[in-house]
């Protein structure tokens, strides 16, 4: 099921037993009734989840350029040709 909701509303659904969601570690500080936060792990322990940021070209919000610069600086596109390989 797919919903367009803010994190607070989404966590209310989770707390009501209507599913689960993935949230960034920074979103785990707030207590929500019925919600338990668990670290995502694979067979070797904690795992990394990759993500994609998308912005509609028609959206001319002035915060776009600084936001994309921040993402590029902190999360370089490791799939791009010539990008440094990930370390294990």
C-alpha atoms as a PDB file:
ATOM      1  CA  UNK A   1       0.000   0.000   0.000  1.00  0.00           C
ATOM      2  CA  UNK A   2       1.250   3.479  -0.776  1.00  0.00           C
ATOM      3  CA  UNK A   3       0.422   6.728   1.043  1.00  0.00           C
ATOM      4  CA  UNK A   4       1.538  10.330   0.580  1.00  0.00           C
ATOM      5  CA  UNK A   5       1.999  11.302   4.214  1.00  0.00           C
ATOM      6  CA  UNK A   6       4.347  13.196   6.488  1.00  0.00           C
ATOM      7  CA  UNK A   7       6.445  11.181   8.907  1.00  0.00           C
ATOM      8  CA  UNK A   8       4.237  11.962  11.924  1.00  0.00           C
ATOM      9  CA  UNK A   9       1.099  10.723  10.196  1.00  0.00           C
ATOM     10  CA  UNK A  10       2.911   7.719   8.770  1.00  0.00           C
ATOM     11  CA  UNK A  11       4.174   6.695  12.212  1.00  0.00           C
ATOM     12  CA  UNK A  12       0.610   7.011  13.521  1.00  0.00           C
ATOM     13  CA  UNK A  13      -0.448   4.419  10.935  1.00  0.00           C
ATOM     14  CA  UNK A  14       2.425   2.159  11.991  1.00  0.00           C
ATOM     15  CA  UNK A  15       1.488   2.572  15.671  1.00  0.00           C
ATOM     16  CA  UNK A  16      -2.087   1.570  14.827  1.00  0.00           C
ATOM     17  CA  UNK A  17      -0.790  -1.687  13.339  1.00  0.00           C
ATOM     18  CA  UNK A  18      -1.386  -0.683   9.717  1.00  0.00           C
ATOM     19  CA  UNK A  19       2.052  -1.575   8.401  1.00  0.00           C
ATOM     20  CA  UNK A  20       5.676  -0.649   8.778  1.00  0.00           C
ATOM     21  CA  UNK A  21       8.010   1.961   7.381  1.00  0.00           C
ATOM     22  CA  UNK A  22      11.686   2.693   6.985  1.00  0.00           C
ATOM     23  CA  UNK A  23      12.955   5.907   8.558  1.00  0.00           C
ATOM     24  CA  UNK A  24      16.390   7.471   8.812  1.00  0.00           C
ATOM     25  CA  UNK A  25      18.153   7.149  12.148  1.00  0.00           C
ATOM     26  CA  UNK A  26      17.527  10.823  12.853  1.00  0.00           C
ATOM     27  CA  UNK A  27      13.772  10.196  12.922  1.00  0.00           C
ATOM     28  CA  UNK A  28      13.961   7.585  15.693  1.00  0.00           C
ATOM     29  CA  UNK A  29      14.221  10.000  18.610  1.00  0.00           C
ATOM     30  CA  UNK A  30      10.522  10.785  18.913  1.00  0.00           C
ATOM     31  CA  UNK A  31       8.313   8.368  20.834  1.00  0.00           C
ATOM     32  CA  UNK A  32       5.137   7.215  19.094  1.00  0.00           C
ATOM     33  CA  UNK A  33       2.642   4.897  20.826  1.00  0.00           C
ATOM     34  CA  UNK A  34       2.814   1.402  19.355  1.00  0.00           C
ATOM     35  CA  UNK A  35       5.991   2.065  17.341  1.00  0.00           C
ATOM     36  CA  UNK A  36       9.191   0.129  17.938  1.00  0.00           C
ATOM     37  CA  UNK A  37      12.339   1.134  16.071  1.00  0.00           C
ATOM     38  CA  UNK A  38      14.600  -1.674  14.857  1.00  0.00           C
ATOM     39  CA  UNK A  39      17.913  -1.495  13.029  1.00  0.00           C
ATOM     40  CA  UNK A  40      17.899  -3.039   9.554  1.00  0.00           C
ATOM     41  CA  UNK A  41      20.396  -5.905   9.422  1.00  0.00           C
ATOM     42  CA  UNK A  42      21.545  -8.516   6.969  1.00  0.00           C
ATOM     43  CA  UNK A  43      23.471 -11.706   7.720  1.00  0.00           C
ATOM     44  CA  UNK A  44      26.575  -9.696   8.682  1.00  0.00           C
ATOM     45  CA  UNK A  45      24.939  -7.147  11.000  1.00  0.00           C
ATOM     46  CA  UNK A  46      23.795  -3.579  10.286  1.00  0.00           C
ATOM     47  CA  UNK A  47      23.217  -2.929   6.610  1.00  0.00           C
ATOM     48  CA  UNK A  48      23.301   0.190   4.461  1.00  0.00           C
ATOM     49  CA  UNK A  49      20.230   1.224   2.521  1.00  0.00           C
ATOM     50  CA  UNK A  50      20.808   3.328  -0.569  1.00  0.00           C
ATOM     51  CA  UNK A  51      18.357   6.016  -1.576  1.00  0.00           C
ATOM     52  CA  UNK A  52      17.608   8.336  -4.443  1.00  0.00           C
ATOM     53  CA  UNK A  53      16.658  12.013  -4.254  1.00  0.00           C
ATOM     54  CA  UNK A  54      14.405  13.345  -7.014  1.00  0.00           C
ATOM     55  CA  UNK A  55      13.233  16.864  -7.725  1.00  0.00           C
ATOM     56  CA  UNK A  56      10.809  17.815 -10.488  1.00  0.00           C
ATOM     57  CA  UNK A  57      12.496  20.105 -13.010  1.00  0.00           C
ATOM     58  CA  UNK A  58       9.453  22.381 -13.042  1.00  0.00           C
ATOM     59  CA  UNK A  59       9.837  23.085  -9.303  1.00  0.00           C
ATOM     60  CA  UNK A  60      11.829  26.321  -9.044  1.00  0.00           C
ATOM     61  CA  UNK A  61      12.043  26.417  -5.238  1.00  0.00           C
ATOM     62  CA  UNK A  62      15.195  28.436  -4.324  1.00  0.00           C
ATOM     63  CA  UNK A  63      16.258  25.804  -1.769  1.00  0.00           C
ATOM     64  CA  UNK A  64      16.821  23.231  -4.521  1.00  0.00           C
ATOM     65  CA  UNK A  65      20.390  24.130  -5.531  1.00  0.00           C
ATOM     66  CA  UNK A  66      21.821  24.234  -1.966  1.00  0.00           C
ATOM     67  CA  UNK A  67      19.970  21.016  -1.085  1.00  0.00           C
ATOM     68  CA  UNK A  68      21.316  19.162  -4.123  1.00  0.00           C
ATOM     69  CA  UNK A  69      24.819  20.513  -3.437  1.00  0.00           C
ATOM     70  CA  UNK A  70      24.590  19.132   0.102  1.00  0.00           C
ATOM     71  CA  UNK A  71      23.493  15.721  -1.174  1.00  0.00           C
ATOM     72  CA  UNK A  72      26.286  15.613  -3.761  1.00  0.00           C
ATOM     73  CA  UNK A  73      28.868  16.575  -1.143  1.00  0.00           C
ATOM     74  CA  UNK A  74      27.773  14.073   1.499  1.00  0.00           C
ATOM     75  CA  UNK A  75      26.470  11.263  -0.694  1.00  0.00           C
ATOM     76  CA  UNK A  76      28.408  11.100  -3.962  1.00  0.00           C
ATOM     77  CA  UNK A  77      26.877   9.011  -6.719  1.00  0.00           C
ATOM     78  CA  UNK A  78      28.849   5.794  -6.340  1.00  0.00           C
ATOM     79  CA  UNK A  79      27.290   4.351  -9.484  1.00  0.00           C
ATOM     80  CA  UNK A  80      28.737   7.103 -11.707  1.00  0.00           C
ATOM     81  CA  UNK A  81      31.643   6.153 -14.014  1.00  0.00           C
ATOM     82  CA  UNK A  82      34.946   6.894 -12.301  1.00  0.00           C
ATOM     83  CA  UNK A  83      33.407   7.140  -8.814  1.00  0.00           C
ATOM     84  CA  UNK A  84      35.508   5.721  -5.978  1.00  0.00           C
ATOM     85  CA  UNK A  85      34.684   2.139  -4.999  1.00  0.00           C
ATOM     86  CA  UNK A  86      32.900   1.507  -1.710  1.00  0.00           C
ATOM     87  CA  UNK A  87      35.039   0.097   1.061  1.00  0.00           C
ATOM     88  CA  UNK A  88      33.906  -3.040   2.904  1.00  0.00           C
END
